[in-house]
Structures are given as structure tokens and as C-alpha cells.
Amino acid sequence: KKSGWRTKCPRHHRVTLMHPRAAIPLGILLVATCIQPTAGVEAESCPASTVKELAPAGGLFGVRPQIILFGDSITEQGTSSFGWTTQLTEHYGRVADVFNRGFSGYTSALGLAMVRQFAAAAGSGAPGAGKHTFAAIFFGANDATAPDFFVHVPLEEYGKHLSEMISISKAALPEITLLLISPPPVDGDSLNSHPWYVEGGRSQELTGAYAEECGRVAQAEGVLFLDLHSLMIKQPNWRDFLSDGLHLSPIGQQFLVNKLLKLLEAHPMAKWWHPRHMPRHMPPFSRFESSGWRGLTKMCEWPDEQGEHGEHCLETGPGGVGMGAAEM
């Protein structure tokens, strides 16, 4: 079998990968897409030079880019009906599978353990491993607690944990692209109405220091950085972005999604990752308009697989389109 395939850039065609040995998704696996010369300017077509090789590949149920989001309860709560990870799932529908790996109360120390497992399962360290792969790391809200609180992680150790997550991921997947997200600001007045939060000793000053450390590590390691703390605090109504002084409210969830997609659109390291530029899985239903499904002889999953030996194509069977011998 071919070890991979390629996809052309027509903008609404997207794809995904999972390593065959991976117990968990590789991360945001974003494939070849059109390169925009200028942020905000949408390309209608792409030159052949933007076509990228992808490997390993699978069939109908085995291949799609996968987005994995490591974090604490702010990420875990993103699965709510209005949550930020739920919204990303909608944006990446038919493009990529979004996996939420957020756990309430977790810190960078526990996140490091998760990333170690992720890297060990997903990567081989071989040249090219991790190509078009992305993982988001979003810790700090629990690290930034009082020194005597049981989940507290000292600032210096927090920075070391983030750096180690990056180095471990890059060692296993040399071409992985990583995003750090800073903890958002906290609202002391709202926190004071929750005894559990008061015990944690959270403060705007303390959280701000961890947000700065997150940005410092991102710059030092050369990875993407979404400074959610600074972006939120600049908004006159930023307190409305929090549901309880710590976690994101519905408008806070939307704010995070908007800023994340804006970063993917504009940043040179992320120009291929915005969902509207990614290949779309399976052809549109309009393909069947002229001949109907009974008259269709071949239907390929990806736009560059129309040739005779396309690995991921459905071929005509008795009575219409059925799975061909090529591969499922």
C-alpha cells in the first residue's frame, strides 16, 4: 500500500490523520491548504506548488485531521453546548475531528504527564514525523494559586513544565506545531463569592504573572502563543467573559474561539490551519445531481484521488455506489 496520499488545495476540502499506533489523536493535524499572501484575503484557487504530501493515510473511517486540546477545567467545560471546543467542532465539521483533553483541577505538572503519554504513543522521532500536526496547551489557571494550596505550581516550575511539553513533543514529532494559550484574567470580586476559590488564593496579579511566563516560554521556544489574558483584559466588559470569576462565560467562550481563528488566519506559522482553507472530506452532494447515485462510477474521499489507483475511493457495485476493492 501507499504510505500516504496528497491533497490539492481547493478551499472547502479538508483532511485528517491518526497515527496507527496512537492511543490518542496526534493533535491538530492540518493538511495542505491554500497559502494566503495577505491575511484576510481569500484565495479562490491554489497553484500546484501548494500541494503537500501526507502520510500515513487510511480510508473512509481512518483519516481526518485531528485537533487535540490539552488543558484544565476551562478546556473541559468547553464541551458545553456553547463551549469553545464545541464551537471548534462545528467550525471543523467535515474537516477535522476535535478531541477535548481538558481535566478539572489539572495543572502543568499533570499536563506534562499527559503530553509524555501523547508523544510516546504518537511519535517516532523520524524525519518528517508530525508534519501538519498541531497541539494546543492551555494550563496555568490552577498553577496560579496560593503557595499553600494543594494544586499550586511555582512560577518557575510552571515555565519549565511548558518548555518540557514542547521539547518532548518536538522530539517525538519533529515537525509538530504547538500553541500555548495563557490563562485568562480572574475577577476577584466574583471569586470571593465562592469559598473554594477564596481558599485557592487566586488573584489578578498572580494569574498575570503566569500569563507572562506562558508568553515568555512561547517566544523562547518558537511556538504559537495566544495571549488570552491580555486580549481579554483590554475589553471594557472583560468581567462579563467569566461565569464565576475564573471560568469562561458564553461570551468568553465565543471570544476565545474568535481570537483563536483570527490567529490561525493571520500568523505565518498557522496560515494553513484555518478551517475554511482545508480540504473537505468526501465530494459534495451536487456531484450526484446530473447522473444520480446509480449512475456514479467512482466517488473519492479526497480531491486528488480521481486517478485509476486512488486508494480511498468508492466504486460502483450492484445497484449503485458501493465500497470498491481499493480500500475502505
C-alpha atoms as a PDB file:
ATOM      1  CA  LYS A   1       0.000   0.000   0.000  1.00  0.00           C
ATOM      2  CA  LYS A   2       0.993   3.542  -0.488  1.00  0.00           C
ATOM      3  CA  SER A   3       2.108   5.065   2.771  1.00  0.00           C
ATOM      4  CA  GLY A   4       0.443   8.352   2.033  1.00  0.00           C
ATOM      5  CA  TRP A   5      -1.505  10.496  -0.343  1.00  0.00           C
ATOM      6  CA  ARG A   6      -1.654  14.104  -1.344  1.00  0.00           C
ATOM      7  CA  THR A   7      -4.456  16.603  -1.346  1.00  0.00           C
ATOM      8  CA  LYS A   8      -4.891  19.664  -3.503  1.00  0.00           C
ATOM      9  CA  CYS A   9      -5.915  22.963  -2.157  1.00  0.00           C
ATOM     10  CA  PRO A  10      -9.478  23.693  -3.245  1.00  0.00           C
ATOM     11  CA  ARG A  11     -10.624  25.529  -0.182  1.00  0.00           C
ATOM     12  CA  HIS A  12     -13.505  23.558   1.170  1.00  0.00           C
ATOM     13  CA  HIS A  13     -11.676  20.229   1.011  1.00  0.00           C
ATOM     14  CA  ARG A  14     -10.043  19.181   4.267  1.00  0.00           C
ATOM     15  CA  VAL A  15      -8.405  16.042   5.740  1.00  0.00           C
ATOM     16  CA  THR A  16      -7.169  14.292   8.920  1.00  0.00           C
ATOM     17  CA  LEU A  17      -4.635  11.782  10.198  1.00  0.00           C
ATOM     18  CA  MET A  18      -4.182   9.471  13.131  1.00  0.00           C
ATOM     19  CA  HIS A  19      -1.007   7.512  13.615  1.00  0.00           C
ATOM     20  CA  PRO A  20      -1.844   3.796  13.504  1.00  0.00           C
ATOM     21  CA  ARG A  21      -0.083   3.240  16.848  1.00  0.00           C
ATOM     22  CA  ALA A  22      -1.600   6.241  18.566  1.00  0.00           C
ATOM     23  CA  ALA A  23      -3.829   5.603  21.559  1.00  0.00           C
ATOM     24  CA  ILE A  24      -4.884   9.246  21.374  1.00  0.00           C
ATOM     25  CA  PRO A  25      -5.056  11.668  18.451  1.00  0.00           C
ATOM     26  CA  LEU A  26      -1.889  13.210  17.138  1.00  0.00           C
ATOM     27  CA  GLY A  27      -3.060  16.757  17.616  1.00  0.00           C
ATOM     28  CA  ILE A  28      -4.396  19.291  15.213  1.00  0.00           C
ATOM     29  CA  LEU A  29      -3.383  17.563  12.021  1.00  0.00           C
ATOM     30  CA  LEU A  30      -3.886  20.163   9.431  1.00  0.00           C
ATOM     31  CA  VAL A  31      -3.176  19.379   5.866  1.00  0.00           C
ATOM     32  CA  ALA A  32      -2.175  21.137   2.723  1.00  0.00           C
ATOM     33  CA  THR A  33      -4.240  24.183   2.022  1.00  0.00           C
ATOM     34  CA  CYS A  34      -4.044  27.364   0.067  1.00  0.00           C
ATOM     35  CA  ILE A  35      -1.474  29.892   1.191  1.00  0.00           C
ATOM     36  CA  GLN A  36      -2.860  33.380   1.531  1.00  0.00           C
ATOM     37  CA  PRO A  37      -0.408  36.086   0.529  1.00  0.00           C
ATOM     38  CA  THR A  38      -2.196  38.532   2.794  1.00  0.00           C
ATOM     39  CA  ALA A  39      -4.212  37.870   5.936  1.00  0.00           C
ATOM     40  CA  GLY A  40      -7.931  38.332   5.332  1.00  0.00           C
ATOM     41  CA  VAL A  41      -7.658  37.883   1.568  1.00  0.00           C
ATOM     42  CA  GLU A  42      -9.255  34.651   0.448  1.00  0.00           C
ATOM     43  CA  ALA A  43      -7.655  32.744  -2.413  1.00  0.00           C
ATOM     44  CA  GLU A  44     -10.066  31.325  -4.986  1.00  0.00           C
ATOM     45  CA  SER A  45      -7.566  28.829  -6.339  1.00  0.00           C
ATOM     46  CA  CYS A  46      -4.145  27.473  -5.489  1.00  0.00           C
ATOM     47  CA  PRO A  47      -1.060  26.840  -7.576  1.00  0.00           C
ATOM     48  CA  ALA A  48       0.263  23.298  -7.821  1.00  0.00           C
ATOM     49  CA  SER A  49       3.185  24.259  -5.598  1.00  0.00           C
ATOM     50  CA  THR A  50       0.897  24.280  -2.549  1.00  0.00           C
ATOM     51  CA  VAL A  51       0.088  20.573  -2.857  1.00  0.00           C
ATOM     52  CA  LYS A  52       1.610  18.727   0.100  1.00  0.00           C
ATOM     53  CA  GLU A  53       2.406  15.052   0.710  1.00  0.00           C
ATOM     54  CA  LEU A  54       0.623  13.427   3.643  1.00  0.00           C
ATOM     55  CA  ALA A  55       1.382  10.172   5.446  1.00  0.00           C
ATOM     56  CA  PRO A  56       0.336   7.810   6.852  1.00  0.00           C
ATOM     57  CA  ALA A  57      -3.076   7.527   5.245  1.00  0.00           C
ATOM     58  CA  GLY A  58      -6.172   5.428   5.767  1.00  0.00           C
ATOM     59  CA  GLY A  59      -9.610   5.029   4.290  1.00  0.00           C
ATOM     60  CA  LEU A  60     -13.082   6.338   4.905  1.00  0.00           C
ATOM     61  CA  PHE A  61     -13.010   5.819   8.666  1.00  0.00           C
ATOM     62  CA  GLY A  62      -9.288   6.175   9.265  1.00  0.00           C
ATOM     63  CA  VAL A  63      -8.236   9.570   8.033  1.00  0.00           C
ATOM     64  CA  ARG A  64      -9.090  13.063   9.124  1.00  0.00           C
ATOM     65  CA  PRO A  65      -7.007  15.793  10.695  1.00  0.00           C
ATOM     66  CA  GLN A  66      -7.471  15.699  14.448  1.00  0.00           C
ATOM     67  CA  ILE A  67      -7.365  18.610  16.839  1.00  0.00           C
ATOM     68  CA  ILE A  68      -6.305  17.808  20.394  1.00  0.00           C
ATOM     69  CA  LEU A  69      -6.670  20.373  23.156  1.00  0.00           C
ATOM     70  CA  PHE A  70      -4.801  19.836  26.448  1.00  0.00           C
ATOM     71  CA  GLY A  71      -5.998  21.815  29.438  1.00  0.00           C
ATOM     72  CA  ASP A  72      -7.816  22.124  32.758  1.00  0.00           C
ATOM     73  CA  SER A  73     -11.482  22.788  33.597  1.00  0.00           C
ATOM     74  CA  ILE A  74     -11.589  25.793  31.264  1.00  0.00           C
ATOM     75  CA  THR A  75     -10.973  23.329  28.447  1.00  0.00           C
ATOM     76  CA  GLU A  76     -13.149  20.577  29.951  1.00  0.00           C
ATOM     77  CA  GLN A  77     -16.106  22.979  30.175  1.00  0.00           C
ATOM     78  CA  GLY A  78     -15.543  23.799  26.519  1.00  0.00           C
ATOM     79  CA  THR A  79     -17.702  20.772  25.698  1.00  0.00           C
ATOM     80  CA  SER A  80     -20.877  22.551  26.849  1.00  0.00           C
ATOM     81  CA  SER A  81     -23.458  23.482  24.230  1.00  0.00           C
ATOM     82  CA  PHE A  82     -21.914  26.968  23.910  1.00  0.00           C
ATOM     83  CA  GLY A  83     -18.355  25.916  24.780  1.00  0.00           C
ATOM     84  CA  TRP A  84     -15.264  26.878  22.828  1.00  0.00           C
ATOM     85  CA  THR A  85     -14.301  23.315  21.940  1.00  0.00           C
ATOM     86  CA  THR A  86     -17.882  22.610  20.863  1.00  0.00           C
ATOM     87  CA  GLN A  87     -17.721  25.656  18.610  1.00  0.00           C
ATOM     88  CA  LEU A  88     -14.421  24.468  17.153  1.00  0.00           C
ATOM     89  CA  THR A  89     -16.034  21.101  16.416  1.00  0.00           C
ATOM     90  CA  GLU A  90     -18.676  22.962  14.419  1.00  0.00           C
ATOM     91  CA  HIS A  91     -16.096  25.059  12.555  1.00  0.00           C
ATOM     92  CA  TYR A  92     -14.105  21.948  11.672  1.00  0.00           C
ATOM     93  CA  GLY A  93     -17.101  19.823  10.733  1.00  0.00           C
ATOM     94  CA  ARG A  94     -16.280  17.552   7.780  1.00  0.00           C
ATOM     95  CA  VAL A  95     -12.707  18.795   8.048  1.00  0.00           C
ATOM     96  CA  ALA A  96     -11.152  17.569  11.287  1.00  0.00           C
ATOM     97  CA  ASP A  97     -12.091  15.731  14.457  1.00  0.00           C
ATOM     98  CA  VAL A  98     -11.737  17.800  17.640  1.00  0.00           C
ATOM     99  CA  PHE A  99     -10.665  15.999  20.822  1.00  0.00           C
ATOM    100  CA  ASN A 100     -11.059  17.706  24.177  1.00  0.00           C
ATOM    101  CA  ARG A 101      -8.415  16.620  26.699  1.00  0.00           C
ATOM    102  CA  GLY A 102      -9.273  19.090  29.455  1.00  0.00           C
ATOM    103  CA  PHE A 103      -9.494  17.901  33.074  1.00  0.00           C
ATOM    104  CA  SER A 104     -10.822  19.900  36.003  1.00  0.00           C
ATOM    105  CA  GLY A 105      -8.201  20.861  38.569  1.00  0.00           C
ATOM    106  CA  TYR A 106      -5.251  19.842  36.405  1.00  0.00           C
ATOM    107  CA  THR A 107      -2.034  21.840  36.329  1.00  0.00           C
ATOM    108  CA  SER A 108       1.006  21.994  34.093  1.00  0.00           C
ATOM    109  CA  ALA A 109       2.565  19.183  36.172  1.00  0.00           C
ATOM    110  CA  LEU A 110      -0.255  16.791  35.291  1.00  0.00           C
ATOM    111  CA  GLY A 111      -0.374  18.187  31.774  1.00  0.00           C
ATOM    112  CA  LEU A 112       3.256  17.243  31.350  1.00  0.00           C
ATOM    113  CA  ALA A 113       2.388  13.628  32.204  1.00  0.00           C
ATOM    114  CA  MET A 114      -0.362  13.671  29.563  1.00  0.00           C
ATOM    115  CA  VAL A 115       1.907  15.121  26.910  1.00  0.00           C
ATOM    116  CA  ARG A 116       4.551  12.481  27.684  1.00  0.00           C
ATOM    117  CA  GLN A 117       1.976   9.761  27.015  1.00  0.00           C
ATOM    118  CA  PHE A 118       0.760  11.527  23.897  1.00  0.00           C
ATOM    119  CA  ALA A 119       4.272  11.880  22.485  1.00  0.00           C
ATOM    120  CA  ALA A 120       5.242   8.293  23.300  1.00  0.00           C
ATOM    121  CA  ALA A 121       2.151   6.921  21.550  1.00  0.00           C
ATOM    122  CA  ALA A 122       2.068   9.264  18.581  1.00  0.00           C
ATOM    123  CA  GLY A 123       5.660   9.904  17.561  1.00  0.00           C
ATOM    124  CA  SER A 124       8.668   8.008  16.307  1.00  0.00           C
ATOM    125  CA  GLY A 125      11.144  10.868  16.109  1.00  0.00           C
ATOM    126  CA  ALA A 126      11.684  10.090  12.431  1.00  0.00           C
ATOM    127  CA  PRO A 127      12.366  12.952   9.998  1.00  0.00           C
ATOM    128  CA  GLY A 128       9.069  14.394   8.830  1.00  0.00           C
ATOM    129  CA  ALA A 129       7.069  12.948  11.721  1.00  0.00           C
ATOM    130  CA  GLY A 130       4.401  15.347  12.886  1.00  0.00           C
ATOM    131  CA  LYS A 131       4.126  17.152   9.576  1.00  0.00           C
ATOM    132  CA  HIS A 132       0.986  19.300   9.623  1.00  0.00           C
ATOM    133  CA  THR A 133       0.351  18.348  13.262  1.00  0.00           C
ATOM    134  CA  PHE A 134      -0.775  20.783  15.946  1.00  0.00           C
ATOM    135  CA  ALA A 135      -1.420  20.508  19.693  1.00  0.00           C
ATOM    136  CA  ALA A 136      -2.817  23.273  21.919  1.00  0.00           C
ATOM    137  CA  ILE A 137      -1.605  23.505  25.537  1.00  0.00           C
ATOM    138  CA  PHE A 138      -3.775  25.571  27.900  1.00  0.00           C
ATOM    139  CA  PHE A 139      -2.686  25.421  31.564  1.00  0.00           C
ATOM    140  CA  GLY A 140      -1.992  27.955  34.318  1.00  0.00           C
ATOM    141  CA  ALA A 141      -5.322  28.785  35.954  1.00  0.00           C
ATOM    142  CA  ASN A 142      -4.738  26.196  38.702  1.00  0.00           C
ATOM    143  CA  ASP A 143      -0.956  26.580  38.840  1.00  0.00           C
ATOM    144  CA  ALA A 144      -1.514  30.251  39.758  1.00  0.00           C
ATOM    145  CA  THR A 145      -2.883  29.622  43.250  1.00  0.00           C
ATOM    146  CA  ALA A 146      -1.584  30.353  46.745  1.00  0.00           C
ATOM    147  CA  PRO A 147       1.708  28.585  47.647  1.00  0.00           C
ATOM    148  CA  ASP A 148      -0.010  26.566  50.383  1.00  0.00           C
ATOM    149  CA  PHE A 149      -2.882  25.437  48.152  1.00  0.00           C
ATOM    150  CA  PHE A 150      -2.598  21.778  47.161  1.00  0.00           C
ATOM    151  CA  VAL A 151      -2.611  22.311  43.354  1.00  0.00           C
ATOM    152  CA  HIS A 152      -0.144  25.211  43.348  1.00  0.00           C
ATOM    153  CA  VAL A 153       2.792  25.006  40.948  1.00  0.00           C
ATOM    154  CA  PRO A 154       5.559  27.607  41.492  1.00  0.00           C
ATOM    155  CA  LEU A 155       6.002  30.035  38.618  1.00  0.00           C
ATOM    156  CA  GLU A 156       9.478  28.813  37.664  1.00  0.00           C
ATOM    157  CA  GLU A 157       8.325  25.180  37.608  1.00  0.00           C
ATOM    158  CA  TYR A 158       5.289  26.163  35.528  1.00  0.00           C
ATOM    159  CA  GLY A 159       7.587  27.606  32.875  1.00  0.00           C
ATOM    160  CA  LYS A 160       9.810  24.519  32.963  1.00  0.00           C
ATOM    161  CA  HIS A 161       6.805  22.251  32.543  1.00  0.00           C
ATOM    162  CA  LEU A 162       5.653  24.160  29.466  1.00  0.00           C
ATOM    163  CA  SER A 163       9.144  24.030  27.976  1.00  0.00           C
ATOM    164  CA  GLU A 164       9.367  20.312  28.626  1.00  0.00           C
ATOM    165  CA  MET A 165       5.988  19.686  26.996  1.00  0.00           C
ATOM    166  CA  ILE A 166       7.297  21.456  23.921  1.00  0.00           C
ATOM    167  CA  SER A 167      10.641  19.647  23.818  1.00  0.00           C
ATOM    168  CA  ILE A 168       9.061  16.211  24.349  1.00  0.00           C
ATOM    169  CA  SER A 169       6.526  16.829  21.591  1.00  0.00           C
ATOM    170  CA  LYS A 170       9.175  18.059  19.161  1.00  0.00           C
ATOM    171  CA  ALA A 171      11.465  15.118  19.928  1.00  0.00           C
ATOM    172  CA  ALA A 172       8.706  12.639  19.079  1.00  0.00           C
ATOM    173  CA  LEU A 173       7.209  14.662  16.225  1.00  0.00           C
ATOM    174  CA  PRO A 174       9.958  16.914  14.815  1.00  0.00           C
ATOM    175  CA  GLU A 175       7.605  18.867  12.560  1.00  0.00           C
ATOM    176  CA  ILE A 176       4.787  19.356  15.067  1.00  0.00           C
ATOM    177  CA  THR A 177       3.402  22.877  15.503  1.00  0.00           C
ATOM    178  CA  LEU A 178       2.404  23.844  19.026  1.00  0.00           C
ATOM    179  CA  LEU A 179       0.207  26.542  20.518  1.00  0.00           C
ATOM    180  CA  LEU A 180       0.379  27.834  24.094  1.00  0.00           C
ATOM    181  CA  ILE A 181      -2.695  29.631  25.463  1.00  0.00           C
ATOM    182  CA  SER A 182      -2.253  31.833  28.534  1.00  0.00           C
ATOM    183  CA  PRO A 183      -4.674  31.589  31.471  1.00  0.00           C
ATOM    184  CA  PRO A 184      -7.395  34.240  31.300  1.00  0.00           C
ATOM    185  CA  PRO A 185      -7.688  37.000  33.911  1.00  0.00           C
ATOM    186  CA  VAL A 186      -9.613  36.331  37.120  1.00  0.00           C
ATOM    187  CA  ASP A 187     -12.251  38.547  38.732  1.00  0.00           C
ATOM    188  CA  GLY A 188     -11.542  38.798  42.457  1.00  0.00           C
ATOM    189  CA  ASP A 189     -14.993  40.142  43.335  1.00  0.00           C
ATOM    190  CA  SER A 190     -16.719  37.147  41.766  1.00  0.00           C
ATOM    191  CA  LEU A 191     -14.189  34.701  43.194  1.00  0.00           C
ATOM    192  CA  ASN A 192     -14.890  35.956  46.710  1.00  0.00           C
ATOM    193  CA  SER A 193     -18.437  34.631  46.490  1.00  0.00           C
ATOM    194  CA  HIS A 194     -17.126  31.086  46.055  1.00  0.00           C
ATOM    195  CA  PRO A 195     -15.416  29.698  49.192  1.00  0.00           C
ATOM    196  CA  TRP A 196     -13.456  27.133  47.190  1.00  0.00           C
ATOM    197  CA  TYR A 197     -11.912  29.857  45.057  1.00  0.00           C
ATOM    198  CA  VAL A 198     -11.147  32.025  48.068  1.00  0.00           C
ATOM    199  CA  GLU A 199      -9.212  29.126  49.590  1.00  0.00           C
ATOM    200  CA  GLY A 200      -7.167  28.874  46.399  1.00  0.00           C
ATOM    201  CA  GLY A 201      -5.842  32.398  46.841  1.00  0.00           C
ATOM    202  CA  ARG A 202      -6.179  33.351  43.183  1.00  0.00           C
ATOM    203  CA  SER A 203      -5.604  36.976  42.203  1.00  0.00           C
ATOM    204  CA  GLN A 204      -5.288  39.039  39.069  1.00  0.00           C
ATOM    205  CA  GLU A 205      -1.676  39.872  39.876  1.00  0.00           C
ATOM    206  CA  LEU A 206      -0.733  36.223  40.360  1.00  0.00           C
ATOM    207  CA  THR A 207      -2.526  34.991  37.239  1.00  0.00           C
ATOM    208  CA  GLY A 208      -0.996  37.808  35.212  1.00  0.00           C
ATOM    209  CA  ALA A 209       2.498  36.634  36.183  1.00  0.00           C
ATOM    210  CA  TYR A 210       1.726  33.110  34.933  1.00  0.00           C
ATOM    211  CA  ALA A 211       0.290  34.509  31.703  1.00  0.00           C
ATOM    212  CA  GLU A 212       3.519  36.453  31.151  1.00  0.00           C
ATOM    213  CA  GLU A 213       5.584  33.332  31.831  1.00  0.00           C
ATOM    214  CA  CYS A 214       3.497  31.416  29.290  1.00  0.00           C
ATOM    215  CA  GLY A 215       4.266  34.080  26.693  1.00  0.00           C
ATOM    216  CA  ARG A 216       7.951  34.081  27.579  1.00  0.00           C
ATOM    217  CA  VAL A 217       8.184  30.311  27.070  1.00  0.00           C
ATOM    218  CA  ALA A 218       6.319  30.506  23.765  1.00  0.00           C
ATOM    219  CA  GLN A 219       8.723  33.145  22.473  1.00  0.00           C
ATOM    220  CA  ALA A 220      11.808  31.302  23.718  1.00  0.00           C
ATOM    221  CA  GLU A 221      10.684  28.004  22.208  1.00  0.00           C
ATOM    222  CA  GLY A 222       9.410  29.492  18.953  1.00  0.00           C
ATOM    223  CA  VAL A 223       5.832  28.225  19.196  1.00  0.00           C
ATOM    224  CA  LEU A 224       2.498  29.915  18.641  1.00  0.00           C
ATOM    225  CA  PHE A 225       1.056  31.943  21.507  1.00  0.00           C
ATOM    226  CA  LEU A 226      -2.485  33.124  22.171  1.00  0.00           C
ATOM    227  CA  ASP A 227      -2.330  35.717  24.951  1.00  0.00           C
ATOM    228  CA  LEU A 228      -5.884  35.252  26.162  1.00  0.00           C
ATOM    229  CA  HIS A 229      -5.114  37.150  29.378  1.00  0.00           C
ATOM    230  CA  SER A 230      -4.048  40.375  27.667  1.00  0.00           C
ATOM    231  CA  LEU A 231      -6.687  40.120  24.945  1.00  0.00           C
ATOM    232  CA  MET A 232      -9.485  39.805  27.498  1.00  0.00           C
ATOM    233  CA  ILE A 233      -8.236  42.412  29.973  1.00  0.00           C
ATOM    234  CA  LYS A 234      -8.241  45.020  27.202  1.00  0.00           C
ATOM    235  CA  GLN A 235     -12.014  44.652  26.819  1.00  0.00           C
ATOM    236  CA  PRO A 236     -14.056  47.151  28.880  1.00  0.00           C
ATOM    237  CA  ASN A 237     -16.523  44.405  29.829  1.00  0.00           C
ATOM    238  CA  TRP A 238     -13.968  41.622  30.355  1.00  0.00           C
ATOM    239  CA  ARG A 239     -15.587  40.540  33.624  1.00  0.00           C
ATOM    240  CA  ASP A 240     -18.644  39.515  31.608  1.00  0.00           C
ATOM    241  CA  PHE A 241     -16.406  37.000  29.828  1.00  0.00           C
ATOM    242  CA  LEU A 242     -16.197  34.988  33.089  1.00  0.00           C
ATOM    243  CA  SER A 243     -19.037  32.935  34.555  1.00  0.00           C
ATOM    244  CA  ASP A 244     -17.733  32.770  38.128  1.00  0.00           C
ATOM    245  CA  GLY A 245     -14.599  34.890  38.119  1.00  0.00           C
ATOM    246  CA  LEU A 246     -12.463  32.028  36.791  1.00  0.00           C
ATOM    247  CA  HIS A 247     -14.195  30.018  34.054  1.00  0.00           C
ATOM    248  CA  LEU A 248     -15.410  31.360  30.728  1.00  0.00           C
ATOM    249  CA  SER A 249     -18.996  32.513  30.246  1.00  0.00           C
ATOM    250  CA  PRO A 250     -20.778  32.018  26.901  1.00  0.00           C
ATOM    251  CA  ILE A 251     -19.413  35.282  25.532  1.00  0.00           C
ATOM    252  CA  GLY A 252     -15.979  34.411  26.903  1.00  0.00           C
ATOM    253  CA  GLN A 253     -16.111  31.071  25.093  1.00  0.00           C
ATOM    254  CA  GLN A 254     -17.021  32.868  21.874  1.00  0.00           C
ATOM    255  CA  PHE A 255     -14.243  35.405  22.409  1.00  0.00           C
ATOM    256  CA  LEU A 256     -11.657  32.632  22.709  1.00  0.00           C
ATOM    257  CA  VAL A 257     -12.862  30.939  19.515  1.00  0.00           C
ATOM    258  CA  ASN A 258     -12.813  34.222  17.598  1.00  0.00           C
ATOM    259  CA  LYS A 259      -9.284  35.070  18.706  1.00  0.00           C
ATOM    260  CA  LEU A 260      -8.021  31.550  18.007  1.00  0.00           C
ATOM    261  CA  LEU A 261      -9.421  31.521  14.475  1.00  0.00           C
ATOM    262  CA  LYS A 262      -8.032  35.012  13.886  1.00  0.00           C
ATOM    263  CA  LEU A 263      -4.589  33.782  14.945  1.00  0.00           C
ATOM    264  CA  LEU A 264      -4.817  30.798  12.587  1.00  0.00           C
ATOM    265  CA  GLU A 265      -5.803  33.113   9.750  1.00  0.00           C
ATOM    266  CA  ALA A 266      -3.093  35.694  10.252  1.00  0.00           C
ATOM    267  CA  HIS A 267       0.016  34.029  11.683  1.00  0.00           C
ATOM    268  CA  PRO A 268       2.678  32.817   9.189  1.00  0.00           C
ATOM    269  CA  MET A 269       3.106  29.594  11.182  1.00  0.00           C
ATOM    270  CA  ALA A 270      -0.622  28.906  11.060  1.00  0.00           C
ATOM    271  CA  LYS A 271      -1.681  30.037   7.602  1.00  0.00           C
ATOM    272  CA  TRP A 272      -2.700  26.522   6.547  1.00  0.00           C
ATOM    273  CA  TRP A 273      -4.768  25.759   9.610  1.00  0.00           C
ATOM    274  CA  HIS A 274      -7.891  27.878   9.308  1.00  0.00           C
ATOM    275  CA  PRO A 275     -10.830  25.543   8.594  1.00  0.00           C
ATOM    276  CA  ARG A 276     -12.011  27.454   5.534  1.00  0.00           C
ATOM    277  CA  HIS A 277      -8.745  26.707   3.760  1.00  0.00           C
ATOM    278  CA  MET A 278      -8.705  22.978   4.437  1.00  0.00           C
ATOM    279  CA  PRO A 279      -9.751  20.158   2.093  1.00  0.00           C
ATOM    280  CA  ARG A 280     -13.273  18.907   2.679  1.00  0.00           C
ATOM    281  CA  HIS A 281     -13.916  15.212   3.289  1.00  0.00           C
ATOM    282  CA  MET A 282     -15.950  13.459   0.566  1.00  0.00           C
ATOM    283  CA  PRO A 283     -17.354  15.187  -2.541  1.00  0.00           C
ATOM    284  CA  PRO A 284     -20.403  17.492  -2.286  1.00  0.00           C
ATOM    285  CA  PHE A 285     -23.832  16.005  -2.942  1.00  0.00           C
ATOM    286  CA  SER A 286     -24.135  18.210  -6.056  1.00  0.00           C
ATOM    287  CA  ARG A 287     -21.728  15.746  -7.660  1.00  0.00           C
ATOM    288  CA  PHE A 288     -24.647  13.342  -7.993  1.00  0.00           C
ATOM    289  CA  GLU A 289     -27.086  15.865  -9.471  1.00  0.00           C
ATOM    290  CA  SER A 290     -26.656  15.002 -13.141  1.00  0.00           C
ATOM    291  CA  SER A 291     -26.376  11.203 -13.008  1.00  0.00           C
ATOM    292  CA  GLY A 292     -27.931  10.274  -9.695  1.00  0.00           C
ATOM    293  CA  TRP A 293     -26.265   7.809  -7.361  1.00  0.00           C
ATOM    294  CA  ARG A 294     -26.985   4.825  -9.629  1.00  0.00           C
ATOM    295  CA  GLY A 295     -25.038   6.428 -12.465  1.00  0.00           C
ATOM    296  CA  LEU A 296     -21.971   7.258 -10.394  1.00  0.00           C
ATOM    297  CA  THR A 297     -18.958   5.067 -11.204  1.00  0.00           C
ATOM    298  CA  LYS A 298     -16.425   6.338  -8.673  1.00  0.00           C
ATOM    299  CA  MET A 299     -16.507   8.630  -5.655  1.00  0.00           C
ATOM    300  CA  CYS A 300     -13.204   9.512  -3.974  1.00  0.00           C
ATOM    301  CA  GLU A 301     -12.738  10.829  -0.458  1.00  0.00           C
ATOM    302  CA  TRP A 302     -10.176  13.478  -1.327  1.00  0.00           C
ATOM    303  CA  PRO A 303      -9.904  15.832  -4.329  1.00  0.00           C
ATOM    304  CA  ASP A 304      -6.553  14.445  -5.557  1.00  0.00           C
ATOM    305  CA  GLU A 305      -7.678  10.818  -5.774  1.00  0.00           C
ATOM    306  CA  GLN A 306      -9.575  10.784  -9.042  1.00  0.00           C
ATOM    307  CA  GLY A 307      -6.971   8.642 -10.805  1.00  0.00           C
ATOM    308  CA  GLU A 308      -7.275   4.972 -11.599  1.00  0.00           C
ATOM    309  CA  HIS A 309      -5.446   3.863  -8.472  1.00  0.00           C
ATOM    310  CA  GLY A 310      -6.986   6.166  -5.874  1.00  0.00           C
ATOM    311  CA  GLU A 311      -6.672   4.397  -2.524  1.00  0.00           C
ATOM    312  CA  HIS A 312      -9.663   5.961  -0.822  1.00  0.00           C
ATOM    313  CA  CYS A 313     -12.403   5.674  -3.425  1.00  0.00           C
ATOM    314  CA  LEU A 314     -15.855   4.143  -3.509  1.00  0.00           C
ATOM    315  CA  GLU A 315     -16.515   2.187  -6.684  1.00  0.00           C
ATOM    316  CA  THR A 316     -19.783   1.150  -8.299  1.00  0.00           C
ATOM    317  CA  GLY A 317     -21.269  -2.084  -7.031  1.00  0.00           C
ATOM    318  CA  PRO A 318     -24.536  -3.849  -7.900  1.00  0.00           C
ATOM    319  CA  GLY A 319     -27.314  -1.302  -7.905  1.00  0.00           C
ATOM    320  CA  GLY A 320     -25.158   1.744  -7.315  1.00  0.00           C
ATOM    321  CA  VAL A 321     -22.151   3.022  -5.438  1.00  0.00           C
ATOM    322  CA  GLY A 322     -20.560   0.536  -3.037  1.00  0.00           C
ATOM    323  CA  MET A 323     -17.164   0.137  -1.434  1.00  0.00           C
ATOM    324  CA  GLY A 324     -14.654  -0.861  -4.067  1.00  0.00           C
ATOM    325  CA  ALA A 325     -11.730  -3.183  -3.692  1.00  0.00           C
ATOM    326  CA  ALA A 326      -9.235  -0.304  -3.412  1.00  0.00           C
ATOM    327  CA  GLU A 327      -9.565   0.359   0.308  1.00  0.00           C
ATOM    328  CA  MET A 328     -12.033   1.421   2.928  1.00  0.00           C
END
